[in-house]
Amino acid sequence: MTEAHRNLLAGAVTLMVGLGLWRFAGGVELPVVDLSKVGVVLMYVGGAEVLLGLYRTVRR
């Protein structure tokens, strides 16, 4: 598995975990962080990693 494919896979998984947190953990209250905001951050990170993987795939 090439590094570009690993980036695509890891980005997709991170994006899906973030989507799940954002969608389903809105009612959970923690004293330090809000899980829906963590989900949004994970979606951005996952999306950026997917874009990096696509860039590396096209560049290859």
N, C-alpha and C. Protein backbone atom coordinates (compact mmCIF):
# COMPACT_ATOMS: atom_id res chain seq x y z
N MET A 1 0.85 -1.17 0.00
CA MET A 1 0.00 0.00 0.00
C MET A 1 0.89 1.24 0.00
N THR A 2 0.63 2.12 -0.93
CA THR A 2 1.45 3.33 -1.02
C THR A 2 1.02 4.35 0.03
N GLU A 3 1.88 5.34 0.20
CA GLU A 3 1.59 6.37 1.20
C GLU A 3 0.35 7.18 0.82
N ALA A 4 0.15 7.39 -0.47
CA ALA A 4 -1.04 8.13 -0.92
C ALA A 4 -2.31 7.38 -0.56
N HIS A 5 -2.30 6.06 -0.75
CA HIS A 5 -3.48 5.27 -0.40
C HIS A 5 -3.70 5.23 1.11
N ARG A 6 -2.62 5.21 1.87
CA ARG A 6 -2.76 5.27 3.33
C ARG A 6 -3.37 6.59 3.77
N ASN A 7 -2.95 7.70 3.12
CA ASN A 7 -3.53 8.99 3.43
C ASN A 7 -5.03 9.02 3.10
N LEU A 8 -5.39 8.45 1.97
CA LEU A 8 -6.81 8.41 1.60
C LEU A 8 -7.62 7.60 2.60
N LEU A 9 -7.11 6.45 2.98
CA LEU A 9 -7.83 5.59 3.92
C LEU A 9 -7.93 6.22 5.30
N ALA A 10 -6.82 6.73 5.81
CA ALA A 10 -6.83 7.35 7.14
C ALA A 10 -7.71 8.60 7.15
N GLY A 11 -7.67 9.37 6.08
CA GLY A 11 -8.52 10.56 5.99
C GLY A 11 -9.99 10.21 5.96
N ALA A 12 -10.34 9.17 5.22
CA ALA A 12 -11.74 8.76 5.14
C ALA A 12 -12.24 8.26 6.49
N VAL A 13 -11.41 7.49 7.18
CA VAL A 13 -11.80 6.98 8.50
C VAL A 13 -11.94 8.14 9.49
N THR A 14 -10.99 9.07 9.48
CA THR A 14 -11.05 10.22 10.38
C THR A 14 -12.28 11.07 10.08
N LEU A 15 -12.58 11.25 8.82
CA LEU A 15 -13.76 12.02 8.43
C LEU A 15 -15.03 11.35 8.92
N MET A 16 -15.13 10.03 8.79
CA MET A 16 -16.32 9.32 9.25
C MET A 16 -16.47 9.34 10.77
N VAL A 17 -15.36 9.21 11.48
CA VAL A 17 -15.43 9.30 12.94
C VAL A 17 -15.89 10.70 13.36
N GLY A 18 -15.34 11.71 12.71
CA GLY A 18 -15.77 13.08 13.00
C GLY A 18 -17.23 13.31 12.69
N LEU A 19 -17.69 12.75 11.58
CA LEU A 19 -19.10 12.88 11.22
C LEU A 19 -19.99 12.20 12.26
N GLY A 20 -19.57 11.03 12.73
CA GLY A 20 -20.34 10.34 13.76
C GLY A 20 -20.39 11.12 15.06
N LEU A 21 -19.27 11.67 15.47
CA LEU A 21 -19.26 12.48 16.69
C LEU A 21 -20.14 13.71 16.53
N TRP A 22 -20.01 14.38 15.40
CA TRP A 22 -20.78 15.60 15.19
C TRP A 22 -22.28 15.31 15.17
N ARG A 23 -22.64 14.18 14.55
CA ARG A 23 -24.06 13.87 14.37
C ARG A 23 -24.71 13.28 15.63
N PHE A 24 -24.00 12.38 16.31
CA PHE A 24 -24.64 11.61 17.37
C PHE A 24 -24.20 11.93 18.78
N ALA A 25 -23.18 12.75 18.97
CA ALA A 25 -22.69 13.02 20.33
C ALA A 25 -23.01 14.45 20.77
N GLY A 26 -24.01 15.06 20.16
CA GLY A 26 -24.35 16.43 20.52
C GLY A 26 -24.93 16.57 21.91
N GLY A 27 -25.61 15.56 22.40
CA GLY A 27 -26.23 15.63 23.71
C GLY A 27 -25.32 15.24 24.86
N VAL A 28 -24.14 14.75 24.56
CA VAL A 28 -23.21 14.32 25.61
C VAL A 28 -22.46 15.54 26.12
N GLU A 29 -22.48 15.74 27.42
CA GLU A 29 -21.80 16.89 28.00
C GLU A 29 -20.59 16.45 28.81
N LEU A 30 -19.45 16.97 28.44
CA LEU A 30 -18.20 16.74 29.16
C LEU A 30 -17.74 18.08 29.72
N PRO A 31 -17.05 18.08 30.86
CA PRO A 31 -16.67 19.35 31.45
C PRO A 31 -15.61 20.12 30.66
N VAL A 32 -14.83 19.44 29.83
CA VAL A 32 -13.71 20.11 29.18
C VAL A 32 -14.00 20.44 27.72
N VAL A 33 -14.52 19.48 26.96
CA VAL A 33 -14.73 19.69 25.52
C VAL A 33 -16.16 19.35 25.13
N ASP A 34 -16.57 19.88 24.01
CA ASP A 34 -17.86 19.56 23.42
C ASP A 34 -17.60 18.58 22.28
N LEU A 35 -18.17 17.39 22.36
CA LEU A 35 -17.86 16.34 21.39
C LEU A 35 -18.31 16.69 19.98
N SER A 36 -19.34 17.49 19.84
CA SER A 36 -19.75 17.87 18.48
C SER A 36 -18.69 18.78 17.84
N LYS A 37 -18.04 19.63 18.64
CA LYS A 37 -16.96 20.47 18.10
C LYS A 37 -15.73 19.64 17.77
N VAL A 38 -15.46 18.64 18.57
CA VAL A 38 -14.36 17.72 18.26
C VAL A 38 -14.65 17.00 16.94
N GLY A 39 -15.89 16.64 16.73
CA GLY A 39 -16.29 16.00 15.48
C GLY A 39 -16.06 16.90 14.27
N VAL A 40 -16.37 18.18 14.42
CA VAL A 40 -16.16 19.12 13.31
C VAL A 40 -14.67 19.24 13.01
N VAL A 41 -13.85 19.33 14.04
CA VAL A 41 -12.40 19.41 13.84
C VAL A 41 -11.88 18.15 13.15
N LEU A 42 -12.36 16.98 13.58
CA LEU A 42 -11.94 15.74 12.95
C LEU A 42 -12.38 15.66 11.49
N MET A 43 -13.55 16.21 11.18
CA MET A 43 -13.99 16.23 9.78
C MET A 43 -13.07 17.09 8.93
N TYR A 44 -12.65 18.24 9.45
CA TYR A 44 -11.72 19.08 8.71
C TYR A 44 -10.37 18.39 8.51
N VAL A 45 -9.86 17.77 9.56
CA VAL A 45 -8.58 17.07 9.47
C VAL A 45 -8.69 15.91 8.49
N GLY A 46 -9.76 15.15 8.56
CA GLY A 46 -9.96 14.04 7.64
C GLY A 46 -10.09 14.51 6.20
N GLY A 47 -10.80 15.58 5.99
CA GLY A 47 -10.93 16.13 4.64
C GLY A 47 -9.60 16.60 4.08
N ALA A 48 -8.80 17.23 4.93
CA ALA A 48 -7.47 17.68 4.49
C ALA A 48 -6.58 16.48 4.16
N GLU A 49 -6.69 15.43 4.93
CA GLU A 49 -5.88 14.24 4.67
C GLU A 49 -6.33 13.54 3.39
N VAL A 50 -7.62 13.52 3.13
CA VAL A 50 -8.12 12.96 1.87
C VAL A 50 -7.60 13.78 0.70
N LEU A 51 -7.63 15.09 0.81
CA LEU A 51 -7.11 15.94 -0.25
C LEU A 51 -5.62 15.71 -0.47
N LEU A 52 -4.87 15.54 0.61
CA LEU A 52 -3.44 15.25 0.49
C LEU A 52 -3.22 13.91 -0.22
N GLY A 53 -4.01 12.91 0.12
CA GLY A 53 -3.90 11.62 -0.55
C GLY A 53 -4.24 11.71 -2.02
N LEU A 54 -5.28 12.48 -2.36
CA LEU A 54 -5.62 12.66 -3.78
C LEU A 54 -4.52 13.38 -4.52
N TYR A 55 -3.93 14.39 -3.90
CA TYR A 55 -2.84 15.13 -4.52
C TYR A 55 -1.65 14.21 -4.78
N ARG A 56 -1.31 13.39 -3.79
CA ARG A 56 -0.19 12.48 -3.96
C ARG A 56 -0.48 11.40 -5.00
N THR A 57 -1.73 10.98 -5.11
CA THR A 57 -2.09 9.99 -6.12
C THR A 57 -1.98 10.59 -7.52
N VAL A 58 -2.47 11.80 -7.70
CA VAL A 58 -2.42 12.44 -9.01
C VAL A 58 -0.98 12.80 -9.37
N ARG A 59 -0.22 13.23 -8.40
CA ARG A 59 1.16 13.64 -8.64
C ARG A 59 2.05 12.46 -9.03
N ARG A 60 1.73 11.28 -8.53
CA ARG A 60 2.51 10.08 -8.82
C ARG A 60 2.36 9.77 -10.27
